[in-house]
Amino acid sequence: MAEAAETIEVTILGRPYRVSCKPQEREALLRAVAYLDAKMNEIKQAGKVTGTDRIAVMAALNIAHELLSIKVGGFDIAEAKRRIRAIEAKLDAALAPQEKLF
């Protein structure tokens, strides 16, 4: 049975937000919040962009660029995980008949 989502309060750029997430996703959400908050504070401290909305958009663009750079740079984590799962499945299929020998 799926666990019910819980609401937690997070702070981004000094402002509180209530966010709903599953208990098993809480730590990942908190890491994402910390990363976003750091990016937004970095942009704010540079002083070139004012207004929370503009800072949020600039942070989103920077994070999207980072993500796409990783993918374009030749390493796509999601693709690597898919390939690992495919290899594991092939290994399991190859090893299954061997278990009968012992």
PDB file of N, CA and C in Angstrom:
ATOM      1  N   MET A   1       0.836  -1.177   0.000  1.00  0.00           N
ATOM      2  CA  MET A   1       0.000   0.000   0.000  1.00  0.00           C
ATOM      3  C   MET A   1       0.882   1.243   0.000  1.00  0.00           C
ATOM      4  N   ALA A   2       0.528   2.210  -0.802  1.00  0.00           N
ATOM      5  CA  ALA A   2       1.310   3.441  -0.906  1.00  0.00           C
ATOM      6  C   ALA A   2       1.143   4.276   0.364  1.00  0.00           C
ATOM      7  N   GLU A   3       2.262   4.864   0.766  1.00  0.00           N
ATOM      8  CA  GLU A   3       2.205   5.711   1.951  1.00  0.00           C
ATOM      9  C   GLU A   3       1.587   7.053   1.586  1.00  0.00           C
ATOM     10  N   ALA A   4       0.844   7.601   2.523  1.00  0.00           N
ATOM     11  CA  ALA A   4       0.197   8.891   2.300  1.00  0.00           C
ATOM     12  C   ALA A   4       1.243  10.004   2.313  1.00  0.00           C
ATOM     13  N   ALA A   5       0.989  11.011   1.524  1.00  0.00           N
ATOM     14  CA  ALA A   5       1.893  12.152   1.487  1.00  0.00           C
ATOM     15  C   ALA A   5       1.754  12.946   2.774  1.00  0.00           C
ATOM     16  N   GLU A   6       2.845  13.564   3.151  1.00  0.00           N
ATOM     17  CA  GLU A   6       2.832  14.427   4.329  1.00  0.00           C
ATOM     18  C   GLU A   6       3.209  15.833   3.872  1.00  0.00           C
ATOM     19  N   THR A   7       2.797  16.803   4.626  1.00  0.00           N
ATOM     20  CA  THR A   7       3.119  18.185   4.295  1.00  0.00           C
ATOM     21  C   THR A   7       4.232  18.647   5.218  1.00  0.00           C
ATOM     22  N   ILE A   8       5.268  19.192   4.604  1.00  0.00           N
ATOM     23  CA  ILE A   8       6.376  19.732   5.397  1.00  0.00           C
ATOM     24  C   ILE A   8       6.578  21.194   5.001  1.00  0.00           C
ATOM     25  N   GLU A   9       7.143  21.954   5.910  1.00  0.00           N
ATOM     26  CA  GLU A   9       7.418  23.357   5.628  1.00  0.00           C
ATOM     27  C   GLU A   9       8.901  23.504   5.326  1.00  0.00           C
ATOM     28  N   VAL A  10       9.185  24.152   4.214  1.00  0.00           N
ATOM     29  CA  VAL A  10      10.560  24.416   3.810  1.00  0.00           C
ATOM     30  C   VAL A  10      10.734  25.919   3.641  1.00  0.00           C
ATOM     31  N   THR A  11      11.967  26.360   3.651  1.00  0.00           N
ATOM     32  CA  THR A  11      12.256  27.784   3.473  1.00  0.00           C
ATOM     33  C   THR A  11      13.172  27.947   2.273  1.00  0.00           C
ATOM     34  N   ILE A  12      12.740  28.802   1.354  1.00  0.00           N
ATOM     35  CA  ILE A  12      13.534  29.106   0.169  1.00  0.00           C
ATOM     36  C   ILE A  12      13.643  30.619   0.073  1.00  0.00           C
ATOM     37  N   LEU A  13      14.855  31.095   0.059  1.00  0.00           N
ATOM     38  CA  LEU A  13      15.146  32.525  -0.009  1.00  0.00           C
ATOM     39  C   LEU A  13      14.430  33.287   1.110  1.00  0.00           C
ATOM     40  N   GLY A  14      14.405  32.665   2.295  1.00  0.00           N
ATOM     41  CA  GLY A  14      13.820  33.302   3.467  1.00  0.00           C
ATOM     42  C   GLY A  14      12.303  33.241   3.553  1.00  0.00           C
ATOM     43  N   ARG A  15      11.669  32.604   2.574  1.00  0.00           N
ATOM     44  CA  ARG A  15      10.202  32.535   2.584  1.00  0.00           C
ATOM     45  C   ARG A  15       9.755  31.101   2.835  1.00  0.00           C
ATOM     46  N   PRO A  16       8.791  30.909   3.719  1.00  0.00           N
ATOM     47  CA  PRO A  16       8.321  29.548   4.001  1.00  0.00           C
ATOM     48  C   PRO A  16       7.351  29.055   2.920  1.00  0.00           C
ATOM     49  N   TYR A  17       7.450  27.766   2.612  1.00  0.00           N
ATOM     50  CA  TYR A  17       6.551  27.102   1.668  1.00  0.00           C
ATOM     51  C   TYR A  17       6.136  25.767   2.260  1.00  0.00           C
ATOM     52  N   ARG A  18       4.889  25.416   2.052  1.00  0.00           N
ATOM     53  CA  ARG A  18       4.401  24.113   2.498  1.00  0.00           C
ATOM     54  C   ARG A  18       4.372  23.209   1.269  1.00  0.00           C
ATOM     55  N   VAL A  19       5.045  22.060   1.391  1.00  0.00           N
ATOM     56  CA  VAL A  19       5.183  21.139   0.271  1.00  0.00           C
ATOM     57  C   VAL A  19       4.742  19.754   0.713  1.00  0.00           C
ATOM     58  N   SER A  20       4.033  19.077  -0.155  1.00  0.00           N
ATOM     59  CA  SER A  20       3.569  17.731   0.127  1.00  0.00           C
ATOM     60  C   SER A  20       4.509  16.725  -0.532  1.00  0.00           C
ATOM     61  N   CYS A  21       4.871  15.684   0.204  1.00  0.00           N
ATOM     62  CA  CYS A  21       5.712  14.627  -0.369  1.00  0.00           C
ATOM     63  C   CYS A  21       5.504  13.346   0.420  1.00  0.00           C
ATOM     64  N   LYS A  22       5.884  12.229  -0.206  1.00  0.00           N
ATOM     65  CA  LYS A  22       5.816  10.934   0.469  1.00  0.00           C
ATOM     66  C   LYS A  22       6.959  10.856   1.469  1.00  0.00           C
ATOM     67  N   PRO A  23       6.762  10.147   2.569  1.00  0.00           N
ATOM     68  CA  PRO A  23       7.820  10.065   3.591  1.00  0.00           C
ATOM     69  C   PRO A  23       9.164   9.581   3.043  1.00  0.00           C
ATOM     70  N   GLN A  24       9.141   8.623   2.125  1.00  0.00           N
ATOM     71  CA  GLN A  24      10.399   8.099   1.586  1.00  0.00           C
ATOM     72  C   GLN A  24      11.089   9.087   0.643  1.00  0.00           C
ATOM     73  N   GLU A  25      10.395  10.142   0.240  1.00  0.00           N
ATOM     74  CA  GLU A  25      10.970  11.156  -0.643  1.00  0.00           C
ATOM     75  C   GLU A  25      11.404  12.412   0.109  1.00  0.00           C
ATOM     76  N   ARG A  26      11.198  12.415   1.418  1.00  0.00           N
ATOM     77  CA  ARG A  26      11.476  13.606   2.226  1.00  0.00           C
ATOM     78  C   ARG A  26      12.923  14.065   2.133  1.00  0.00           C
ATOM     79  N   GLU A  27      13.871  13.155   2.303  1.00  0.00           N
ATOM     80  CA  GLU A  27      15.286  13.528   2.282  1.00  0.00           C
ATOM     81  C   GLU A  27      15.692  14.088   0.922  1.00  0.00           C
ATOM     82  N   ALA A  28      15.208  13.479  -0.151  1.00  0.00           N
ATOM     83  CA  ALA A  28      15.523  13.976  -1.494  1.00  0.00           C
ATOM     84  C   ALA A  28      14.931  15.370  -1.693  1.00  0.00           C
ATOM     85  N   LEU A  29      13.721  15.579  -1.198  1.00  0.00           N
ATOM     86  CA  LEU A  29      13.089  16.894  -1.309  1.00  0.00           C
ATOM     87  C   LEU A  29      13.898  17.929  -0.542  1.00  0.00           C
ATOM     88  N   LEU A  30      14.326  17.595   0.655  1.00  0.00           N
ATOM     89  CA  LEU A  30      15.097  18.542   1.462  1.00  0.00           C
ATOM     90  C   LEU A  30      16.433  18.880   0.800  1.00  0.00           C
ATOM     91  N   ARG A  31      17.055  17.899   0.143  1.00  0.00           N
ATOM     92  CA  ARG A  31      18.297  18.179  -0.594  1.00  0.00           C
ATOM     93  C   ARG A  31      18.018  19.108  -1.768  1.00  0.00           C
ATOM     94  N   ALA A  32      16.894  18.877  -2.455  1.00  0.00           N
ATOM     95  CA  ALA A  32      16.525  19.741  -3.586  1.00  0.00           C
ATOM     96  C   ALA A  32      16.248  21.164  -3.111  1.00  0.00           C
ATOM     97  N   VAL A  33      15.563  21.283  -1.992  1.00  0.00           N
ATOM     98  CA  VAL A  33      15.273  22.605  -1.427  1.00  0.00           C
ATOM     99  C   VAL A  33      16.576  23.326  -1.077  1.00  0.00           C
ATOM    100  N   ALA A  34      17.491  22.619  -0.441  1.00  0.00           N
ATOM    101  CA  ALA A  34      18.770  23.227  -0.064  1.00  0.00           C
ATOM    102  C   ALA A  34      19.542  23.665  -1.299  1.00  0.00           C
ATOM    103  N   TYR A  35      19.519  22.859  -2.348  1.00  0.00           N
ATOM    104  CA  TYR A  35      20.225  23.196  -3.582  1.00  0.00           C
ATOM    105  C   TYR A  35      19.609  24.430  -4.234  1.00  0.00           C
ATOM    106  N   LEU A  36      18.284  24.438  -4.341  1.00  0.00           N
ATOM    107  CA  LEU A  36      17.583  25.572  -4.942  1.00  0.00           C
ATOM    108  C   LEU A  36      17.811  26.844  -4.125  1.00  0.00           C
ATOM    109  N   ASP A  37      17.709  26.733  -2.816  1.00  0.00           N
ATOM    110  CA  ASP A  37      17.916  27.895  -1.944  1.00  0.00           C
ATOM    111  C   ASP A  37      19.323  28.454  -2.128  1.00  0.00           C
ATOM    112  N   ALA A  38      20.320  27.577  -2.220  1.00  0.00           N
ATOM    113  CA  ALA A  38      21.697  28.034  -2.418  1.00  0.00           C
ATOM    114  C   ALA A  38      21.846  28.738  -3.759  1.00  0.00           C
ATOM    115  N   LYS A  39      21.254  28.177  -4.810  1.00  0.00           N
ATOM    116  CA  LYS A  39      21.329  28.801  -6.140  1.00  0.00           C
ATOM    117  C   LYS A  39      20.663  30.172  -6.130  1.00  0.00           C
ATOM    118  N   MET A  40      19.491  30.263  -5.515  1.00  0.00           N
ATOM    119  CA  MET A  40      18.770  31.533  -5.481  1.00  0.00           C
ATOM    120  C   MET A  40      19.534  32.568  -4.662  1.00  0.00           C
ATOM    121  N   ASN A  41      20.111  32.158  -3.533  1.00  0.00           N
ATOM    122  CA  ASN A  41      20.899  33.088  -2.718  1.00  0.00           C
ATOM    123  C   ASN A  41      22.147  33.549  -3.462  1.00  0.00           C
ATOM    124  N   GLU A  42      22.755  32.663  -4.222  1.00  0.00           N
ATOM    125  CA  GLU A  42      23.924  33.008  -5.025  1.00  0.00           C
ATOM    126  C   GLU A  42      23.565  34.110  -6.038  1.00  0.00           C
ATOM    127  N   ILE A  43      22.426  33.955  -6.694  1.00  0.00           N
ATOM    128  CA  ILE A  43      21.973  34.948  -7.674  1.00  0.00           C
ATOM    129  C   ILE A  43      21.632  36.263  -6.975  1.00  0.00           C
ATOM    130  N   LYS A  44      20.967  36.164  -5.832  1.00  0.00           N
ATOM    131  CA  LYS A  44      20.602  37.369  -5.078  1.00  0.00           C
ATOM    132  C   LYS A  44      21.841  38.123  -4.625  1.00  0.00           C
ATOM    133  N   GLN A  45      22.839  37.394  -4.123  1.00  0.00           N
ATOM    134  CA  GLN A  45      24.065  38.025  -3.627  1.00  0.00           C
ATOM    135  C   GLN A  45      24.845  38.714  -4.742  1.00  0.00           C
ATOM    136  N   ALA A  46      24.749  38.197  -5.964  1.00  0.00           N
ATOM    137  CA  ALA A  46      25.448  38.812  -7.089  1.00  0.00           C
ATOM    138  C   ALA A  46      24.883  40.200  -7.369  1.00  0.00           C
ATOM    139  N   GLY A  47      23.621  40.420  -6.995  1.00  0.00           N
ATOM    140  CA  GLY A  47      23.021  41.735  -7.092  1.00  0.00           C
ATOM    141  C   GLY A  47      22.611  42.176  -8.484  1.00  0.00           C
ATOM    142  N   LYS A  48      22.737  41.306  -9.472  1.00  0.00           N
ATOM    143  CA  LYS A  48      22.389  41.693 -10.841  1.00  0.00           C
ATOM    144  C   LYS A  48      20.915  41.480 -11.141  1.00  0.00           C
ATOM    145  N   VAL A  49      20.253  40.647 -10.347  1.00  0.00           N
ATOM    146  CA  VAL A  49      18.840  40.338 -10.569  1.00  0.00           C
ATOM    147  C   VAL A  49      18.088  40.676  -9.292  1.00  0.00           C
ATOM    148  N   THR A  50      16.977  41.392  -9.426  1.00  0.00           N
ATOM    149  CA  THR A  50      16.166  41.718  -8.258  1.00  0.00           C
ATOM    150  C   THR A  50      14.773  41.139  -8.438  1.00  0.00           C
ATOM    151  N   GLY A  51      14.120  40.907  -7.344  1.00  0.00           N
ATOM    152  CA  GLY A  51      12.772  40.356  -7.363  1.00  0.00           C
ATOM    153  C   GLY A  51      12.817  38.844  -7.278  1.00  0.00           C
ATOM    154  N   THR A  52      12.028  38.312  -6.374  1.00  0.00           N
ATOM    155  CA  THR A  52      12.013  36.871  -6.139  1.00  0.00           C
ATOM    156  C   THR A  52      11.651  36.087  -7.387  1.00  0.00           C
ATOM    157  N   ASP A  53      10.682  36.565  -8.157  1.00  0.00           N
ATOM    158  CA  ASP A  53      10.279  35.854  -9.375  1.00  0.00           C
ATOM    159  C   ASP A  53      11.432  35.757 -10.365  1.00  0.00           C
ATOM    160  N   ARG A  54      12.121  36.857 -10.567  1.00  0.00           N
ATOM    161  CA  ARG A  54      13.243  36.860 -11.514  1.00  0.00           C
ATOM    162  C   ARG A  54      14.396  35.988 -11.017  1.00  0.00           C
ATOM    163  N   ILE A  55      14.642  36.022  -9.724  1.00  0.00           N
ATOM    164  CA  ILE A  55      15.693  35.182  -9.143  1.00  0.00           C
ATOM    165  C   ILE A  55      15.335  33.711  -9.328  1.00  0.00           C
ATOM    166  N   ALA A  56      14.059  33.366  -9.106  1.00  0.00           N
ATOM    167  CA  ALA A  56      13.614  31.981  -9.278  1.00  0.00           C
ATOM    168  C   ALA A  56      13.774  31.523 -10.726  1.00  0.00           C
ATOM    169  N   VAL A  57      13.430  32.384 -11.670  1.00  0.00           N
ATOM    170  CA  VAL A  57      13.568  32.024 -13.090  1.00  0.00           C
ATOM    171  C   VAL A  57      15.040  31.838 -13.448  1.00  0.00           C
ATOM    172  N   MET A  58      15.892  32.723 -12.987  1.00  0.00           N
ATOM    173  CA  MET A  58      17.322  32.599 -13.274  1.00  0.00           C
ATOM    174  C   MET A  58      17.901  31.327 -12.654  1.00  0.00           C
ATOM    175  N   ALA A  59      17.468  31.008 -11.431  1.00  0.00           N
ATOM    176  CA  ALA A  59      17.927  29.777 -10.784  1.00  0.00           C
ATOM    177  C   ALA A  59      17.450  28.561 -11.582  1.00  0.00           C
ATOM    178  N   ALA A  60      16.197  28.585 -12.027  1.00  0.00           N
ATOM    179  CA  ALA A  60      15.658  27.480 -12.825  1.00  0.00           C
ATOM    180  C   ALA A  60      16.451  27.318 -14.123  1.00  0.00           C
ATOM    181  N   LEU A  61      16.770  28.420 -14.768  1.00  0.00           N
ATOM    182  CA  LEU A  61      17.565  28.353 -16.002  1.00  0.00           C
ATOM    183  C   LEU A  61      18.955  27.790 -15.735  1.00  0.00           C
ATOM    184  N   ASN A  62      19.580  28.225 -14.649  1.00  0.00           N
ATOM    185  CA  ASN A  62      20.913  27.709 -14.310  1.00  0.00           C
ATOM    186  C   ASN A  62      20.871  26.211 -14.024  1.00  0.00           C
ATOM    187  N   ILE A  63      19.878  25.771 -13.276  1.00  0.00           N
ATOM    188  CA  ILE A  63      19.761  24.348 -12.941  1.00  0.00           C
ATOM    189  C   ILE A  63      19.456  23.529 -14.195  1.00  0.00           C
ATOM    190  N   ALA A  64      18.568  24.033 -15.063  1.00  0.00           N
ATOM    191  CA  ALA A  64      18.267  23.338 -16.323  1.00  0.00           C
ATOM    192  C   ALA A  64      19.524  23.233 -17.182  1.00  0.00           C
ATOM    193  N   HIS A  65      20.305  24.298 -17.218  1.00  0.00           N
ATOM    194  CA  HIS A  65      21.550  24.274 -17.981  1.00  0.00           C
ATOM    195  C   HIS A  65      22.509  23.227 -17.424  1.00  0.00           C
ATOM    196  N   GLU A  66      22.629  23.153 -16.110  1.00  0.00           N
ATOM    197  CA  GLU A  66      23.492  22.147 -15.489  1.00  0.00           C
ATOM    198  C   GLU A  66      23.047  20.743 -15.882  1.00  0.00           C
ATOM    199  N   LEU A  67      21.755  20.500 -15.804  1.00  0.00           N
ATOM    200  CA  LEU A  67      21.210  19.180 -16.138  1.00  0.00           C
ATOM    201  C   LEU A  67      21.495  18.837 -17.593  1.00  0.00           C
ATOM    202  N   LEU A  68      21.218  19.762 -18.494  1.00  0.00           N
ATOM    203  CA  LEU A  68      21.443  19.508 -19.913  1.00  0.00           C
ATOM    204  C   LEU A  68      22.920  19.376 -20.236  1.00  0.00           C
ATOM    205  N   SER A  69      23.772  20.088 -19.530  1.00  0.00           N
ATOM    206  CA  SER A  69      25.216  19.965 -19.752  1.00  0.00           C
ATOM    207  C   SER A  69      25.698  18.573 -19.389  1.00  0.00           C
ATOM    208  N   ILE A  70      25.153  18.026 -18.338  1.00  0.00           N
ATOM    209  CA  ILE A  70      25.523  16.662 -17.938  1.00  0.00           C
ATOM    210  C   ILE A  70      25.101  15.684 -19.020  1.00  0.00           C
ATOM    211  N   LYS A  71      23.880  15.831 -19.531  1.00  0.00           N
ATOM    212  CA  LYS A  71      23.385  14.923 -20.563  1.00  0.00           C
ATOM    213  C   LYS A  71      24.160  15.103 -21.866  1.00  0.00           C
ATOM    214  N   VAL A  72      24.375  16.345 -22.286  1.00  0.00           N
ATOM    215  CA  VAL A  72      25.063  16.617 -23.537  1.00  0.00           C
ATOM    216  C   VAL A  72      26.542  16.273 -23.412  1.00  0.00           C
ATOM    217  N   GLY A  73      27.077  16.442 -22.215  1.00  0.00           N
ATOM    218  CA  GLY A  73      28.483  16.159 -21.982  1.00  0.00           C
ATOM    219  C   GLY A  73      28.825  14.688 -22.083  1.00  0.00           C
ATOM    220  N   GLY A  74      27.871  13.857 -22.375  1.00  0.00           N
ATOM    221  CA  GLY A  74      28.141  12.449 -22.586  1.00  0.00           C
ATOM    222  C   GLY A  74      27.762  11.547 -21.433  1.00  0.00           C
ATOM    223  N   PHE A  75      27.276  12.099 -20.350  1.00  0.00           N
ATOM    224  CA  PHE A  75      26.907  11.231 -19.236  1.00  0.00           C
ATOM    225  C   PHE A  75      25.504  11.558 -18.775  1.00  0.00           C
ATOM    226  N   ASP A  76      24.611  10.643 -19.045  1.00  0.00           N
ATOM    227  CA  ASP A  76      23.214  10.775 -18.656  1.00  0.00           C
ATOM    228  C   ASP A  76      22.958   9.729 -17.572  1.00  0.00           C
ATOM    229  N   ILE A  77      22.788  10.180 -16.338  1.00  0.00           N
ATOM    230  CA  ILE A  77      22.632   9.270 -15.212  1.00  0.00           C
ATOM    231  C   ILE A  77      21.426   8.351 -15.405  1.00  0.00           C
ATOM    232  N   ALA A  78      20.312   8.896 -15.874  1.00  0.00           N
ATOM    233  CA  ALA A  78      19.118   8.083 -16.073  1.00  0.00           C
ATOM    234  C   ALA A  78      19.379   6.987 -17.104  1.00  0.00           C
ATOM    235  N   GLU A  79      20.060   7.332 -18.175  1.00  0.00           N
ATOM    236  CA  GLU A  79      20.384   6.327 -19.200  1.00  0.00           C
ATOM    237  C   GLU A  79      21.324   5.272 -18.638  1.00  0.00           C
ATOM    238  N   ALA A  80      22.295   5.692 -17.836  1.00  0.00           N
ATOM    239  CA  ALA A  80      23.217   4.734 -17.218  1.00  0.00           C
ATOM    240  C   ALA A  80      22.462   3.765 -16.315  1.00  0.00           C
ATOM    241  N   LYS A  81      21.509   4.271 -15.548  1.00  0.00           N
ATOM    242  CA  LYS A  81      20.718   3.401 -14.677  1.00  0.00           C
ATOM    243  C   LYS A  81      19.882   2.425 -15.493  1.00  0.00           C
ATOM    244  N   ARG A  82      19.305   2.892 -16.610  1.00  0.00           N
ATOM    245  CA  ARG A  82      18.521   1.998 -17.477  1.00  0.00           C
ATOM    246  C   ARG A  82      19.399   0.888 -18.037  1.00  0.00           C
ATOM    247  N   ARG A  83      20.593   1.251 -18.458  1.00  0.00           N
ATOM    248  CA  ARG A  83      21.493   0.241 -19.022  1.00  0.00           C
ATOM    249  C   ARG A  83      21.941  -0.766 -17.962  1.00  0.00           C
ATOM    250  N   ILE A  84      22.192  -0.291 -16.755  1.00  0.00           N
ATOM    251  CA  ILE A  84      22.582  -1.191 -15.665  1.00  0.00           C
ATOM    252  C   ILE A  84      21.452  -2.174 -15.376  1.00  0.00           C
ATOM    253  N   ARG A  85      20.202  -1.674 -15.328  1.00  0.00           N
ATOM    254  CA  ARG A  85      19.065  -2.574 -15.097  1.00  0.00           C
ATOM    255  C   ARG A  85      18.940  -3.603 -16.209  1.00  0.00           C
ATOM    256  N   ALA A  86      19.169  -3.198 -17.450  1.00  0.00           N
ATOM    257  CA  ALA A  86      19.095  -4.131 -18.575  1.00  0.00           C
ATOM    258  C   ALA A  86      20.174  -5.203 -18.458  1.00  0.00           C
ATOM    259  N   ILE A  87      21.379  -4.798 -18.079  1.00  0.00           N
ATOM    260  CA  ILE A  87      22.471  -5.760 -17.903  1.00  0.00           C
ATOM    261  C   ILE A  87      22.159  -6.718 -16.764  1.00  0.00           C
ATOM    262  N   GLU A  88      21.632  -6.190 -15.664  1.00  0.00           N
ATOM    263  CA  GLU A  88      21.259  -7.046 -14.531  1.00  0.00           C
ATOM    264  C   GLU A  88      20.205  -8.063 -14.949  1.00  0.00           C
ATOM    265  N   ALA A  89      19.237  -7.649 -15.738  1.00  0.00           N
ATOM    266  CA  ALA A  89      18.197  -8.560 -16.200  1.00  0.00           C
ATOM    267  C   ALA A  89      18.794  -9.661 -17.066  1.00  0.00           C
ATOM    268  N   LYS A  90      19.723  -9.301 -17.947  1.00  0.00           N
ATOM    269  CA  LYS A  90      20.377 -10.305 -18.793  1.00  0.00           C
ATOM    270  C   LYS A  90      21.195 -11.281 -17.954  1.00  0.00           C
ATOM    271  N   LEU A  91      21.899 -10.755 -16.954  1.00  0.00           N
ATOM    272  CA  LEU A  91      22.680 -11.619 -16.069  1.00  0.00           C
ATOM    273  C   LEU A  91      21.772 -12.570 -15.292  1.00  0.00           C
ATOM    274  N   ASP A  92      20.675 -12.047 -14.773  1.00  0.00           N
ATOM    275  CA  ASP A  92      19.728 -12.901 -14.043  1.00  0.00           C
ATOM    276  C   ASP A  92      19.190 -14.001 -14.941  1.00  0.00           C
ATOM    277  N   ALA A  93      18.853 -13.654 -16.177  1.00  0.00           N
ATOM    278  CA  ALA A  93      18.330 -14.646 -17.116  1.00  0.00           C
ATOM    279  C   ALA A  93      19.385 -15.690 -17.452  1.00  0.00           C
ATOM    280  N   ALA A  94      20.622 -15.271 -17.582  1.00  0.00           N
ATOM    281  CA  ALA A  94      21.705 -16.214 -17.917  1.00  0.00           C
ATOM    282  C   ALA A  94      22.063 -17.106 -16.738  1.00  0.00           C
ATOM    283  N   LEU A  95      21.964 -16.575 -15.532  1.00  0.00           N
ATOM    284  CA  LEU A  95      22.352 -17.328 -14.349  1.00  0.00           C
ATOM    285  C   LEU A  95      21.244 -18.238 -13.821  1.00  0.00           C
ATOM    286  N   ALA A  96      20.015 -17.952 -14.139  1.00  0.00           N
ATOM    287  CA  ALA A  96      18.881 -18.740 -13.625  1.00  0.00           C
ATOM    288  C   ALA A  96      19.023 -20.229 -13.956  1.00  0.00           C
ATOM    289  N   PRO A  97      19.346 -20.614 -15.186  1.00  0.00           N
ATOM    290  CA  PRO A  97      19.507 -22.033 -15.474  1.00  0.00           C
ATOM    291  C   PRO A  97      20.678 -22.670 -14.731  1.00  0.00           C
ATOM    292  N   GLN A  98      21.680 -21.881 -14.401  1.00  0.00           N
ATOM    293  CA  GLN A  98      22.846 -22.397 -13.700  1.00  0.00           C
ATOM    294  C   GLN A  98      22.520 -22.814 -12.265  1.00  0.00           C
ATOM    295  N   GLU A  99      21.527 -22.178 -11.672  1.00  0.00           N
ATOM    296  CA  GLU A  99      21.136 -22.492 -10.296  1.00  0.00           C
ATOM    297  C   GLU A  99      20.634 -23.923 -10.186  1.00  0.00           C
ATOM    298  N   LYS A 100      20.054 -24.427 -11.256  1.00  0.00           N
ATOM    299  CA  LYS A 100      19.530 -25.798 -11.252  1.00  0.00           C
ATOM    300  C   LYS A 100      20.650 -26.830 -11.205  1.00  0.00           C
ATOM    301  N   LEU A 101      21.853 -26.431 -11.599  1.00  0.00           N
ATOM    302  CA  LEU A 101      22.981 -27.362 -11.618  1.00  0.00           C
ATOM    303  C   LEU A 101      23.507 -27.667 -10.216  1.00  0.00           C
ATOM    304  N   PHE A 102      23.222 -26.786  -9.269  1.00  0.00           N
ATOM    305  CA  PHE A 102      23.784 -26.964  -7.924  1.00  0.00           C
ATOM    306  C   PHE A 102      22.713 -27.362  -6.993  1.00  0.00           C
TER     307      PHE A 102
END
